């Protein structure tokens, strides 16, 4: 978990395909609500 975070990824990374809705949905919504690009850029990475 810490290694993923150190590389700029979520510490919740599991490499399960479900994650690519679970993570991107909340981060994309954060971007839409705040207009802060950090949220959607990290989801994209």
ModelCIF file with pLDDT and N, C-alpha, C, O atoms, coordinates in Angstrom:
data_MODEL
#
_entry.id   MODEL 
#
_entity.id                         1 
_entity.type                       polymer 
_entity.pdbx_number_of_molecules   1 
#
_entity_poly.entity_id                      1 
_entity_poly.type                           'polypeptide(L)' 
_entity_poly.nstd_linkage                   no 
_entity_poly.nstd_monomer                   no 
_entity_poly.pdbx_seq_one_letter_code       
;(UNK)(UNK)(UNK)(UNK)(UNK)(UNK)(UNK)(UNK)(UNK)(UNK)(UNK)(UNK)(UNK)(UNK)(UNK)(UNK)
(UNK)(UNK)(UNK)(UNK)(UNK)(UNK)(UNK)(UNK)(UNK)(UNK)(UNK)(UNK)(UNK)(UNK)(UNK)(UNK)
(UNK)(UNK)(UNK)(UNK)(UNK)(UNK)(UNK)(UNK)(UNK)(UNK)(UNK)(UNK)(UNK)
;
_entity_poly.pdbx_seq_one_letter_code_can   XXXXXXXXXXXXXXXXXXXXXXXXXXXXXXXXXXXXXXXXXXXXX 
_entity_poly.pdbx_strand_id                 A 
#
loop_
_entity_poly_seq.entity_id 
_entity_poly_seq.num 
_entity_poly_seq.mon_id 
_entity_poly_seq.hetero 
1 1  UNK n 
1 2  UNK n 
1 3  UNK n 
1 4  UNK n 
1 5  UNK n 
1 6  UNK n 
1 7  UNK n 
1 8  UNK n 
1 9  UNK n 
1 10 UNK n 
1 11 UNK n 
1 12 UNK n 
1 13 UNK n 
1 14 UNK n 
1 15 UNK n 
1 16 UNK n 
1 17 UNK n 
1 18 UNK n 
1 19 UNK n 
1 20 UNK n 
1 21 UNK n 
1 22 UNK n 
1 23 UNK n 
1 24 UNK n 
1 25 UNK n 
1 26 UNK n 
1 27 UNK n 
1 28 UNK n 
1 29 UNK n 
1 30 UNK n 
1 31 UNK n 
1 32 UNK n 
1 33 UNK n 
1 34 UNK n 
1 35 UNK n 
1 36 UNK n 
1 37 UNK n 
1 38 UNK n 
1 39 UNK n 
1 40 UNK n 
1 41 UNK n 
1 42 UNK n 
1 43 UNK n 
1 44 UNK n 
1 45 UNK n 
#
_struct_asym.id          A 
_struct_asym.entity_id   1 
#
loop_
_ma_qa_metric.id 
_ma_qa_metric.mode 
_ma_qa_metric.name 
_ma_qa_metric.software_group_id 
_ma_qa_metric.type 
1 global pLDDT . pLDDT 
2 local  pLDDT . pLDDT 
#
_ma_qa_metric_global.metric_id      1 
_ma_qa_metric_global.metric_value   97.56 
_ma_qa_metric_global.model_id       1 
_ma_qa_metric_global.ordinal_id     1 
#
loop_
_ma_qa_metric_local.label_asym_id 
_ma_qa_metric_local.label_comp_id 
_ma_qa_metric_local.label_seq_id 
_ma_qa_metric_local.metric_id 
_ma_qa_metric_local.metric_value 
_ma_qa_metric_local.model_id 
_ma_qa_metric_local.ordinal_id 
A UNK 1  2 98.00 1 1  
A UNK 2  2 97.00 1 2  
A UNK 3  2 98.00 1 3  
A UNK 4  2 98.00 1 4  
A UNK 5  2 98.00 1 5  
A UNK 6  2 98.00 1 6  
A UNK 7  2 98.00 1 7  
A UNK 8  2 97.00 1 8  
A UNK 9  2 98.00 1 9  
A UNK 10 2 98.00 1 10 
A UNK 11 2 98.00 1 11 
A UNK 12 2 98.00 1 12 
A UNK 13 2 97.00 1 13 
A UNK 14 2 95.00 1 14 
A UNK 15 2 95.00 1 15 
A UNK 16 2 95.00 1 16 
A UNK 17 2 96.00 1 17 
A UNK 18 2 96.00 1 18 
A UNK 19 2 96.00 1 19 
A UNK 20 2 97.00 1 20 
A UNK 21 2 98.00 1 21 
A UNK 22 2 98.00 1 22 
A UNK 23 2 98.00 1 23 
A UNK 24 2 97.00 1 24 
A UNK 25 2 98.00 1 25 
A UNK 26 2 98.00 1 26 
A UNK 27 2 98.00 1 27 
A UNK 28 2 98.00 1 28 
A UNK 29 2 98.00 1 29 
A UNK 30 2 98.00 1 30 
A UNK 31 2 98.00 1 31 
A UNK 32 2 98.00 1 32 
A UNK 33 2 98.00 1 33 
A UNK 34 2 98.00 1 34 
A UNK 35 2 98.00 1 35 
A UNK 36 2 98.00 1 36 
A UNK 37 2 98.00 1 37 
A UNK 38 2 98.00 1 38 
A UNK 39 2 98.00 1 39 
A UNK 40 2 98.00 1 40 
A UNK 41 2 98.00 1 41 
A UNK 42 2 98.00 1 42 
A UNK 43 2 98.00 1 43 
A UNK 44 2 98.00 1 44 
A UNK 45 2 98.00 1 45 
#
loop_
_atom_site.group_PDB 
_atom_site.id 
_atom_site.type_symbol 
_atom_site.label_atom_id 
_atom_site.label_alt_id 
_atom_site.label_comp_id 
_atom_site.label_asym_id 
_atom_site.label_entity_id 
_atom_site.label_seq_id 
_atom_site.pdbx_PDB_ins_code 
_atom_site.Cartn_x 
_atom_site.Cartn_y 
_atom_site.Cartn_z 
_atom_site.occupancy 
_atom_site.B_iso_or_equiv 
_atom_site.pdbx_formal_charge 
_atom_site.auth_seq_id 
_atom_site.auth_comp_id 
_atom_site.auth_asym_id 
_atom_site.auth_atom_id 
_atom_site.pdbx_PDB_model_num 
ATOM 1   N N  . UNK A 1 1  ? 0.815   -1.221 0.000   1.00 98.00 ? 1  UNK A N  1 
ATOM 2   C CA . UNK A 1 1  ? 0.000   0.000  0.000   1.00 98.00 ? 1  UNK A CA 1 
ATOM 3   C C  . UNK A 1 1  ? 0.844   1.264  0.000   1.00 98.00 ? 1  UNK A C  1 
ATOM 4   O O  . UNK A 1 1  ? 0.586   2.189  -0.770  1.00 98.00 ? 1  UNK A O  1 
ATOM 5   N N  . UNK A 1 2  ? 1.854   1.304  0.865   1.00 97.00 ? 2  UNK A N  1 
ATOM 6   C CA . UNK A 1 2  ? 2.710   2.484  0.954   1.00 97.00 ? 2  UNK A CA 1 
ATOM 7   C C  . UNK A 1 2  ? 3.530   2.674  -0.315  1.00 97.00 ? 2  UNK A C  1 
ATOM 8   O O  . UNK A 1 2  ? 3.788   3.803  -0.734  1.00 97.00 ? 2  UNK A O  1 
ATOM 9   N N  . UNK A 1 3  ? 3.937   1.568  -0.922  1.00 98.00 ? 3  UNK A N  1 
ATOM 10  C CA . UNK A 1 3  ? 4.709   1.660  -2.160  1.00 98.00 ? 3  UNK A CA 1 
ATOM 11  C C  . UNK A 1 3  ? 3.876   2.285  -3.273  1.00 98.00 ? 3  UNK A C  1 
ATOM 12  O O  . UNK A 1 3  ? 4.364   3.131  -4.023  1.00 98.00 ? 3  UNK A O  1 
ATOM 13  N N  . UNK A 1 4  ? 2.620   1.867  -3.377  1.00 98.00 ? 4  UNK A N  1 
ATOM 14  C CA . UNK A 1 4  ? 1.738   2.485  -4.380  1.00 98.00 ? 4  UNK A CA 1 
ATOM 15  C C  . UNK A 1 4  ? 1.630   3.988  -4.130  1.00 98.00 ? 4  UNK A C  1 
ATOM 16  O O  . UNK A 1 4  ? 1.718   4.784  -5.065  1.00 98.00 ? 4  UNK A O  1 
ATOM 17  N N  . UNK A 1 5  ? 1.438   4.376  -2.865  1.00 98.00 ? 5  UNK A N  1 
ATOM 18  C CA . UNK A 1 5  ? 1.302   5.792  -2.529  1.00 98.00 ? 5  UNK A CA 1 
ATOM 19  C C  . UNK A 1 5  ? 2.582   6.553  -2.861  1.00 98.00 ? 5  UNK A C  1 
ATOM 20  O O  . UNK A 1 5  ? 2.525   7.659  -3.398  1.00 98.00 ? 5  UNK A O  1 
ATOM 21  N N  . UNK A 1 6  ? 3.730   5.969  -2.548  1.00 98.00 ? 6  UNK A N  1 
ATOM 22  C CA . UNK A 1 6  ? 5.013   6.620  -2.826  1.00 98.00 ? 6  UNK A CA 1 
ATOM 23  C C  . UNK A 1 6  ? 5.209   6.870  -4.319  1.00 98.00 ? 6  UNK A C  1 
ATOM 24  O O  . UNK A 1 6  ? 5.923   7.798  -4.699  1.00 98.00 ? 6  UNK A O  1 
ATOM 25  N N  . UNK A 1 7  ? 4.584   6.055  -5.169  1.00 98.00 ? 7  UNK A N  1 
ATOM 26  C CA . UNK A 1 7  ? 4.705   6.190  -6.617  1.00 98.00 ? 7  UNK A CA 1 
ATOM 27  C C  . UNK A 1 7  ? 3.600   7.058  -7.220  1.00 98.00 ? 7  UNK A C  1 
ATOM 28  O O  . UNK A 1 7  ? 3.487   7.174  -8.441  1.00 98.00 ? 7  UNK A O  1 
ATOM 29  N N  . UNK A 1 8  ? 2.792   7.662  -6.361  1.00 97.00 ? 8  UNK A N  1 
ATOM 30  C CA . UNK A 1 8  ? 1.756   8.578  -6.845  1.00 97.00 ? 8  UNK A CA 1 
ATOM 31  C C  . UNK A 1 8  ? 0.410   7.949  -7.087  1.00 97.00 ? 8  UNK A C  1 
ATOM 32  O O  . UNK A 1 8  ? -0.485  8.583  -7.646  1.00 97.00 ? 8  UNK A O  1 
ATOM 33  N N  . UNK A 1 9  ? 0.254   6.688  -6.666  1.00 98.00 ? 9  UNK A N  1 
ATOM 34  C CA . UNK A 1 9  ? -1.024  6.002  -6.833  1.00 98.00 ? 9  UNK A CA 1 
ATOM 35  C C  . UNK A 1 9  ? -1.764  5.957  -5.501  1.00 98.00 ? 9  UNK A C  1 
ATOM 36  O O  . UNK A 1 9  ? -1.201  6.261  -4.450  1.00 98.00 ? 9  UNK A O  1 
ATOM 37  N N  . UNK A 1 10 ? -3.035  5.573  -5.566  1.00 98.00 ? 10 UNK A N  1 
ATOM 38  C CA . UNK A 1 10 ? -3.801  5.423  -4.333  1.00 98.00 ? 10 UNK A CA 1 
ATOM 39  C C  . UNK A 1 10 ? -3.264  4.252  -3.516  1.00 98.00 ? 10 UNK A C  1 
ATOM 40  O O  . UNK A 1 10 ? -2.906  3.212  -4.067  1.00 98.00 ? 10 UNK A O  1 
ATOM 41  N N  . UNK A 1 11 ? -3.213  4.429  -2.214  1.00 98.00 ? 11 UNK A N  1 
ATOM 42  C CA . UNK A 1 11 ? -2.811  3.313  -1.351  1.00 98.00 ? 11 UNK A CA 1 
ATOM 43  C C  . UNK A 1 11 ? -3.863  2.205  -1.365  1.00 98.00 ? 11 UNK A C  1 
ATOM 44  O O  . UNK A 1 11 ? -3.599  1.082  -0.935  1.00 98.00 ? 11 UNK A O  1 
ATOM 45  N N  . UNK A 1 12 ? -5.063  2.534  -1.864  1.00 98.00 ? 12 UNK A N  1 
ATOM 46  C CA . UNK A 1 12 ? -6.136  1.539  -1.939  1.00 98.00 ? 12 UNK A CA 1 
ATOM 47  C C  . UNK A 1 12 ? -6.060  0.689  -3.219  1.00 98.00 ? 12 UNK A C  1 
ATOM 48  O O  . UNK A 1 12 ? -6.934  -0.139 -3.473  1.00 98.00 ? 12 UNK A O  1 
ATOM 49  N N  . UNK A 1 13 ? -5.020  0.901  -4.007  1.00 97.00 ? 13 UNK A N  1 
ATOM 50  C CA . UNK A 1 13 ? -4.824  0.128  -5.237  1.00 97.00 ? 13 UNK A CA 1 
ATOM 51  C C  . UNK A 1 13 ? -4.753  -1.370 -4.924  1.00 97.00 ? 13 UNK A C  1 
ATOM 52  O O  . UNK A 1 13 ? -4.026  -1.796 -4.026  1.00 97.00 ? 13 UNK A O  1 
ATOM 53  N N  . UNK A 1 14 ? -5.533  -2.169 -5.690  1.00 95.00 ? 14 UNK A N  1 
ATOM 54  C CA . UNK A 1 14 ? -5.521  -3.630 -5.506  1.00 95.00 ? 14 UNK A CA 1 
ATOM 55  C C  . UNK A 1 14 ? -5.229  -4.375 -6.807  1.00 95.00 ? 14 UNK A C  1 
ATOM 56  O O  . UNK A 1 14 ? -4.943  -5.572 -6.799  1.00 95.00 ? 14 UNK A O  1 
ATOM 57  N N  . UNK A 1 15 ? -5.305  -3.650 -7.922  1.00 95.00 ? 15 UNK A N  1 
ATOM 58  C CA . UNK A 1 15 ? -5.187  -4.257 -9.245  1.00 95.00 ? 15 UNK A CA 1 
ATOM 59  C C  . UNK A 1 15 ? -6.351  -5.222 -9.519  1.00 95.00 ? 15 UNK A C  1 
ATOM 60  O O  . UNK A 1 15 ? -6.193  -6.226 -10.213 1.00 95.00 ? 15 UNK A O  1 
ATOM 61  N N  . UNK A 1 16 ? -7.512  -4.894 -8.962  1.00 95.00 ? 16 UNK A N  1 
ATOM 62  C CA . UNK A 1 16 ? -8.757  -5.559 -9.318  1.00 95.00 ? 16 UNK A CA 1 
ATOM 63  C C  . UNK A 1 16 ? -9.472  -4.651 -10.310 1.00 95.00 ? 16 UNK A C  1 
ATOM 64  O O  . UNK A 1 16 ? -9.489  -3.434 -10.125 1.00 95.00 ? 16 UNK A O  1 
ATOM 65  N N  . UNK A 1 17 ? -10.063 -5.220 -11.360 1.00 96.00 ? 17 UNK A N  1 
ATOM 66  C CA . UNK A 1 17 ? -10.659 -4.377 -12.389 1.00 96.00 ? 17 UNK A CA 1 
ATOM 67  C C  . UNK A 1 17 ? -11.845 -3.567 -11.879 1.00 96.00 ? 17 UNK A C  1 
ATOM 68  O O  . UNK A 1 17 ? -12.160 -2.528 -12.460 1.00 96.00 ? 17 UNK A O  1 
ATOM 69  N N  . UNK A 1 18 ? -12.513 -4.004 -10.814 1.00 96.00 ? 18 UNK A N  1 
ATOM 70  C CA . UNK A 1 18 ? -13.606 -3.233 -10.220 1.00 96.00 ? 18 UNK A CA 1 
ATOM 71  C C  . UNK A 1 18 ? -13.146 -1.819 -9.835  1.00 96.00 ? 18 UNK A C  1 
ATOM 72  O O  . UNK A 1 18 ? -13.907 -0.853 -9.910  1.00 96.00 ? 18 UNK A O  1 
ATOM 73  N N  . UNK A 1 19 ? -11.877 -1.734 -9.420  1.00 96.00 ? 19 UNK A N  1 
ATOM 74  C CA . UNK A 1 19 ? -11.345 -0.478 -8.890  1.00 96.00 ? 19 UNK A CA 1 
ATOM 75  C C  . UNK A 1 19 ? -11.470 0.683  -9.864  1.00 96.00 ? 19 UNK A C  1 
ATOM 76  O O  . UNK A 1 19 ? -11.574 1.841  -9.458  1.00 96.00 ? 19 UNK A O  1 
ATOM 77  N N  . UNK A 1 20 ? -11.457 0.361  -11.155 1.00 97.00 ? 20 UNK A N  1 
ATOM 78  C CA . UNK A 1 20 ? -11.426 1.441  -12.132 1.00 97.00 ? 20 UNK A CA 1 
ATOM 79  C C  . UNK A 1 20 ? -12.771 2.092  -12.362 1.00 97.00 ? 20 UNK A C  1 
ATOM 80  O O  . UNK A 1 20 ? -12.877 3.018  -13.166 1.00 97.00 ? 20 UNK A O  1 
ATOM 81  N N  . UNK A 1 21 ? -13.795 1.632  -11.677 1.00 98.00 ? 21 UNK A N  1 
ATOM 82  C CA . UNK A 1 21 ? -14.979 2.473  -11.492 1.00 98.00 ? 21 UNK A CA 1 
ATOM 83  C C  . UNK A 1 21 ? -14.949 3.072  -10.094 1.00 98.00 ? 21 UNK A C  1 
ATOM 84  O O  . UNK A 1 21 ? -15.194 4.268  -9.934  1.00 98.00 ? 21 UNK A O  1 
ATOM 85  N N  . UNK A 1 22 ? -14.659 2.279  -9.094  1.00 98.00 ? 22 UNK A N  1 
ATOM 86  C CA . UNK A 1 22 ? -14.722 2.733  -7.703  1.00 98.00 ? 22 UNK A CA 1 
ATOM 87  C C  . UNK A 1 22 ? -13.809 3.937  -7.437  1.00 98.00 ? 22 UNK A C  1 
ATOM 88  O O  . UNK A 1 22 ? -14.196 4.886  -6.754  1.00 98.00 ? 22 UNK A O  1 
ATOM 89  N N  . UNK A 1 23 ? -12.591 3.878  -7.989  1.00 98.00 ? 23 UNK A N  1 
ATOM 90  C CA . UNK A 1 23 ? -11.659 4.991  -7.779  1.00 98.00 ? 23 UNK A CA 1 
ATOM 91  C C  . UNK A 1 23 ? -11.991 6.168  -8.696  1.00 98.00 ? 23 UNK A C  1 
ATOM 92  O O  . UNK A 1 23 ? -12.065 7.310  -8.243  1.00 98.00 ? 23 UNK A O  1 
ATOM 93  N N  . UNK A 1 24 ? -12.188 5.891  -9.972  1.00 97.00 ? 24 UNK A N  1 
ATOM 94  C CA . UNK A 1 24 ? -12.382 7.004  -10.910 1.00 97.00 ? 24 UNK A CA 1 
ATOM 95  C C  . UNK A 1 24 ? -13.696 7.732  -10.682 1.00 97.00 ? 24 UNK A C  1 
ATOM 96  O O  . UNK A 1 24 ? -13.780 8.932  -10.940 1.00 97.00 ? 24 UNK A O  1 
ATOM 97  N N  . UNK A 1 25 ? -14.729 7.035  -10.202 1.00 98.00 ? 25 UNK A N  1 
ATOM 98  C CA . UNK A 1 25 ? -16.015 7.704  -9.986  1.00 98.00 ? 25 UNK A CA 1 
ATOM 99  C C  . UNK A 1 25 ? -15.897 8.800  -8.930  1.00 98.00 ? 25 UNK A C  1 
ATOM 100 O O  . UNK A 1 25 ? -16.338 9.929  -9.148  1.00 98.00 ? 25 UNK A O  1 
ATOM 101 N N  . UNK A 1 26 ? -15.303 8.464  -7.787  1.00 98.00 ? 26 UNK A N  1 
ATOM 102 C CA . UNK A 1 26 ? -15.234 9.468  -6.721  1.00 98.00 ? 26 UNK A CA 1 
ATOM 103 C C  . UNK A 1 26 ? -14.238 10.569 -7.058  1.00 98.00 ? 26 UNK A C  1 
ATOM 104 O O  . UNK A 1 26 ? -14.479 11.731 -6.732  1.00 98.00 ? 26 UNK A O  1 
ATOM 105 N N  . UNK A 1 27 ? -13.117 10.227 -7.707  1.00 98.00 ? 27 UNK A N  1 
ATOM 106 C CA . UNK A 1 27 ? -12.136 11.259 -8.047  1.00 98.00 ? 27 UNK A CA 1 
ATOM 107 C C  . UNK A 1 27 ? -12.646 12.173 -9.163  1.00 98.00 ? 27 UNK A C  1 
ATOM 108 O O  . UNK A 1 27 ? -12.393 13.377 -9.135  1.00 98.00 ? 27 UNK A O  1 
ATOM 109 N N  . UNK A 1 28 ? -13.352 11.620 -10.132 1.00 98.00 ? 28 UNK A N  1 
ATOM 110 C CA . UNK A 1 28 ? -13.943 12.449 -11.185 1.00 98.00 ? 28 UNK A CA 1 
ATOM 111 C C  . UNK A 1 28 ? -14.994 13.378 -10.600 1.00 98.00 ? 28 UNK A C  1 
ATOM 112 O O  . UNK A 1 28 ? -15.086 14.542 -10.989 1.00 98.00 ? 28 UNK A O  1 
ATOM 113 N N  . UNK A 1 29 ? -15.783 12.867 -9.667  1.00 98.00 ? 29 UNK A N  1 
ATOM 114 C CA . UNK A 1 29 ? -16.793 13.698 -9.011  1.00 98.00 ? 29 UNK A CA 1 
ATOM 115 C C  . UNK A 1 29 ? -16.139 14.818 -8.195  1.00 98.00 ? 29 UNK A C  1 
ATOM 116 O O  . UNK A 1 29 ? -16.639 15.942 -8.148  1.00 98.00 ? 29 UNK A O  1 
ATOM 117 N N  . UNK A 1 30 ? -15.020 14.492 -7.558  1.00 98.00 ? 30 UNK A N  1 
ATOM 118 C CA . UNK A 1 30 ? -14.308 15.516 -6.795  1.00 98.00 ? 30 UNK A CA 1 
ATOM 119 C C  . UNK A 1 30 ? -13.856 16.649 -7.713  1.00 98.00 ? 30 UNK A C  1 
ATOM 120 O O  . UNK A 1 30 ? -13.951 17.824 -7.358  1.00 98.00 ? 30 UNK A O  1 
ATOM 121 N N  . UNK A 1 31 ? -13.370 16.286 -8.884  1.00 98.00 ? 31 UNK A N  1 
ATOM 122 C CA . UNK A 1 31 ? -12.954 17.297 -9.867  1.00 98.00 ? 31 UNK A CA 1 
ATOM 123 C C  . UNK A 1 31 ? -14.142 18.132 -10.333 1.00 98.00 ? 31 UNK A C  1 
ATOM 124 O O  . UNK A 1 31 ? -14.047 19.356 -10.417 1.00 98.00 ? 31 UNK A O  1 
ATOM 125 N N  . UNK A 1 32 ? -15.246 17.481 -10.634 1.00 98.00 ? 32 UNK A N  1 
ATOM 126 C CA . UNK A 1 32 ? -16.435 18.220 -11.093 1.00 98.00 ? 32 UNK A CA 1 
ATOM 127 C C  . UNK A 1 32 ? -16.954 19.169 -10.028 1.00 98.00 ? 32 UNK A C  1 
ATOM 128 O O  . UNK A 1 32 ? -17.447 20.254 -10.340 1.00 98.00 ? 32 UNK A O  1 
ATOM 129 N N  . UNK A 1 33 ? -16.842 18.759 -8.766  1.00 98.00 ? 33 UNK A N  1 
ATOM 130 C CA . UNK A 1 33 ? -17.375 19.583 -7.676  1.00 98.00 ? 33 UNK A CA 1 
ATOM 131 C C  . UNK A 1 33 ? -16.445 20.720 -7.287  1.00 98.00 ? 33 UNK A C  1 
ATOM 132 O O  . UNK A 1 33 ? -16.912 21.780 -6.870  1.00 98.00 ? 33 UNK A O  1 
ATOM 133 N N  . UNK A 1 34 ? -15.124 20.520 -7.417  1.00 98.00 ? 34 UNK A N  1 
ATOM 134 C CA . UNK A 1 34 ? -14.163 21.514 -6.934  1.00 98.00 ? 34 UNK A CA 1 
ATOM 135 C C  . UNK A 1 34 ? -13.402 22.225 -8.043  1.00 98.00 ? 34 UNK A C  1 
ATOM 136 O O  . UNK A 1 34 ? -12.840 23.298 -7.822  1.00 98.00 ? 34 UNK A O  1 
ATOM 137 N N  . UNK A 1 35 ? -13.381 21.633 -9.240  1.00 98.00 ? 35 UNK A N  1 
ATOM 138 C CA . UNK A 1 35 ? -12.584 22.141 -10.362 1.00 98.00 ? 35 UNK A CA 1 
ATOM 139 C C  . UNK A 1 35 ? -11.086 22.067 -10.081 1.00 98.00 ? 35 UNK A C  1 
ATOM 140 O O  . UNK A 1 35 ? -10.296 22.761 -10.720 1.00 98.00 ? 35 UNK A O  1 
ATOM 141 N N  . UNK A 1 36 ? -10.701 21.228 -9.129  1.00 98.00 ? 36 UNK A N  1 
ATOM 142 C CA . UNK A 1 36 ? -9.291  21.024 -8.800  1.00 98.00 ? 36 UNK A CA 1 
ATOM 143 C C  . UNK A 1 36 ? -8.782  19.843 -9.625  1.00 98.00 ? 36 UNK A C  1 
ATOM 144 O O  . UNK A 1 36 ? -9.216  18.707 -9.432  1.00 98.00 ? 36 UNK A O  1 
ATOM 145 N N  . UNK A 1 37 ? -7.862  20.122 -10.540 1.00 98.00 ? 37 UNK A N  1 
ATOM 146 C CA . UNK A 1 37 ? -7.395  19.092 -11.471 1.00 98.00 ? 37 UNK A CA 1 
ATOM 147 C C  . UNK A 1 37 ? -6.657  17.941 -10.793 1.00 98.00 ? 37 UNK A C  1 
ATOM 148 O O  . UNK A 1 37 ? -6.521  16.866 -11.378 1.00 98.00 ? 37 UNK A O  1 
ATOM 149 N N  . UNK A 1 38 ? -6.184  18.153 -9.575  1.00 98.00 ? 38 UNK A N  1 
ATOM 150 C CA . UNK A 1 38 ? -5.398  17.089 -8.944  1.00 98.00 ? 38 UNK A CA 1 
ATOM 151 C C  . UNK A 1 38 ? -6.218  15.807 -8.826  1.00 98.00 ? 38 UNK A C  1 
ATOM 152 O O  . UNK A 1 38 ? -5.677  14.705 -8.921  1.00 98.00 ? 38 UNK A O  1 
ATOM 153 N N  . UNK A 1 39 ? -7.527  15.957 -8.617  1.00 98.00 ? 39 UNK A N  1 
ATOM 154 C CA . UNK A 1 39 ? -8.360  14.776 -8.411  1.00 98.00 ? 39 UNK A CA 1 
ATOM 155 C C  . UNK A 1 39 ? -8.445  13.925 -9.678  1.00 98.00 ? 39 UNK A C  1 
ATOM 156 O O  . UNK A 1 39 ? -8.206  12.718 -9.640  1.00 98.00 ? 39 UNK A O  1 
ATOM 157 N N  . UNK A 1 40 ? -8.779  14.544 -10.768 1.00 98.00 ? 40 UNK A N  1 
ATOM 158 C CA . UNK A 1 40 ? -8.977  13.746 -11.983 1.00 98.00 ? 40 UNK A CA 1 
ATOM 159 C C  . UNK A 1 40 ? -7.647  13.315 -12.601 1.00 98.00 ? 40 UNK A C  1 
ATOM 160 O O  . UNK A 1 40 ? -7.579  12.281 -13.266 1.00 98.00 ? 40 UNK A O  1 
ATOM 161 N N  . UNK A 1 41 ? -6.594  14.098 -12.386 1.00 98.00 ? 41 UNK A N  1 
ATOM 162 C CA . UNK A 1 41 ? -5.289  13.707 -12.915 1.00 98.00 ? 41 UNK A CA 1 
ATOM 163 C C  . UNK A 1 41 ? -4.746  12.469 -12.200 1.00 98.00 ? 41 UNK A C  1 
ATOM 164 O O  . UNK A 1 41 ? -4.151  11.593 -12.828 1.00 98.00 ? 41 UNK A O  1 
ATOM 165 N N  . UNK A 1 42 ? -4.954  12.403 -10.893 1.00 98.00 ? 42 UNK A N  1 
ATOM 166 C CA . UNK A 1 42 ? -4.456  11.224 -10.198 1.00 98.00 ? 42 UNK A CA 1 
ATOM 167 C C  . UNK A 1 42 ? -5.308  9.992  -10.529 1.00 98.00 ? 42 UNK A C  1 
ATOM 168 O O  . UNK A 1 42 ? -4.797  8.873  -10.563 1.00 98.00 ? 42 UNK A O  1 
ATOM 169 N N  . UNK A 1 43 ? -6.612  10.202 -10.772 1.00 98.00 ? 43 UNK A N  1 
ATOM 170 C CA . UNK A 1 43 ? -7.447  9.083  -11.217 1.00 98.00 ? 43 UNK A CA 1 
ATOM 171 C C  . UNK A 1 43 ? -6.997  8.602  -12.593 1.00 98.00 ? 43 UNK A C  1 
ATOM 172 O O  . UNK A 1 43 ? -6.986  7.401  -12.863 1.00 98.00 ? 43 UNK A O  1 
ATOM 173 N N  . UNK A 1 44 ? -6.629  9.538  -13.455 1.00 98.00 ? 44 UNK A N  1 
ATOM 174 C CA . UNK A 1 44 ? -6.176  9.184  -14.800 1.00 98.00 ? 44 UNK A CA 1 
ATOM 175 C C  . UNK A 1 44 ? -4.856  8.421  -14.750 1.00 98.00 ? 44 UNK A C  1 
ATOM 176 O O  . UNK A 1 44 ? -4.661  7.452  -15.484 1.00 98.00 ? 44 UNK A O  1 
ATOM 177 N N  . UNK A 1 45 ? -3.960  8.861  -13.883 1.00 98.00 ? 45 UNK A N  1 
ATOM 178 C CA . UNK A 1 45 ? -2.688  8.148  -13.728 1.00 98.00 ? 45 UNK A CA 1 
ATOM 179 C C  . UNK A 1 45 ? -2.945  6.726  -13.251 1.00 98.00 ? 45 UNK A C  1 
ATOM 180 O O  . UNK A 1 45 ? -2.001  5.959  -13.059 1.00 98.00 ? 45 UNK A O  1 
#
